[in-house]
Protein backbone atom coordinates (compact mmCIF):
# COMPACT_ATOMS: atom_id res chain seq x y z
CA MET A 1 205.12 -22.06 45.37
CA ALA A 2 205.68 -25.16 43.82
CA LYS A 3 207.48 -25.76 40.27
CA GLU A 4 204.51 -27.70 39.39
CA ASP A 5 202.46 -24.14 40.39
CA THR A 6 203.30 -22.78 37.29
CA VAL A 7 201.17 -21.96 34.00
CA VAL A 8 202.83 -23.07 30.45
CA MET A 9 202.14 -21.35 27.45
CA GLU A 10 203.27 -20.75 23.90
CA GLY A 11 203.53 -16.82 22.23
CA VAL A 12 205.58 -14.69 19.31
CA ILE A 13 207.90 -12.79 19.99
CA GLN A 14 205.82 -8.94 19.06
CA GLU A 15 208.43 -6.59 20.49
CA ILE A 16 212.39 -6.84 21.73
CA MET A 17 212.21 -3.91 24.77
CA PRO A 18 215.85 -3.00 26.60
CA ALA A 19 216.94 -4.85 29.68
CA ALA A 20 215.75 -8.52 28.06
CA MET A 21 211.87 -7.81 27.48
CA PHE A 22 210.02 -8.77 25.48
CA ARG A 23 206.13 -7.93 24.08
CA ILE A 24 204.71 -11.38 23.38
CA LYS A 25 201.14 -12.12 21.49
CA LEU A 26 199.89 -15.58 23.75
CA ASP A 27 198.25 -18.56 21.48
CA GLU A 28 195.58 -19.54 23.94
CA ALA A 29 194.48 -16.47 25.46
CA GLU A 30 194.64 -13.91 22.35
CA SER A 31 196.35 -10.88 24.57
CA LEU A 32 200.43 -9.05 24.82
CA VAL A 33 202.46 -10.26 27.81
CA LEU A 34 205.48 -8.98 29.32
CA GLY A 35 208.16 -11.32 29.26
CA TYR A 36 212.16 -12.12 30.58
CA LEU A 37 215.05 -14.18 29.92
CA SER A 38 215.49 -16.81 31.90
CA GLY A 39 218.70 -17.73 33.89
CA LYS A 40 219.93 -20.33 31.66
CA MET A 41 218.79 -18.40 28.28
CA ARG A 42 220.89 -15.85 29.52
CA THR A 43 224.27 -17.35 31.30
CA ASN A 44 224.39 -20.01 27.70
CA ASN A 45 223.98 -16.85 25.47
CA ILE A 46 220.54 -18.11 23.58
CA LYS A 47 219.20 -14.82 21.64
CA VAL A 48 215.59 -14.39 21.26
CA LEU A 49 214.51 -12.58 17.68
CA LEU A 50 211.04 -10.99 17.23
CA GLY A 51 209.38 -13.50 15.56
CA ASP A 52 210.04 -16.63 17.42
CA ARG A 53 207.81 -18.72 18.83
CA VAL A 54 208.13 -19.45 22.93
CA GLU A 55 207.25 -21.22 25.30
CA LEU A 56 206.62 -18.94 28.64
CA GLU A 57 205.95 -20.08 32.46
CA PHE A 58 203.70 -17.98 34.19
CA SER A 59 203.45 -17.99 37.97
CA PRO A 60 198.98 -18.20 38.51
CA TYR A 61 199.45 -14.96 41.34
CA ASP A 62 200.11 -12.63 37.92
CA LEU A 63 199.26 -13.35 34.46
CA THR A 64 200.76 -10.47 33.24
CA ARG A 65 204.27 -11.53 33.33
CA GLY A 66 206.01 -14.27 32.55
CA ARG A 67 210.13 -15.76 31.91
CA ILE A 68 210.80 -17.29 28.51
CA ILE A 69 211.68 -20.71 29.15
CA ARG A 70 212.23 -22.04 25.75
CA ARG A 71 212.45 -20.83 22.38
CA LYS A 72 211.09 -22.98 19.88
């Protein structure tokens, strides 16, 4: 799978879970998905709090889990 094959969406953090996992409400789909921090966000120690707007990257095969790539 190439990097161009990913689906990018935006949402809002609804719930913070252990191990840097988050429940995120998507803007387009109006559904809750599970998100996790990308490696660069972990290494640069970027904090994500409740209510933050984030940008998620999904694999086209599984649209229920996404990688958080940016905090807005």
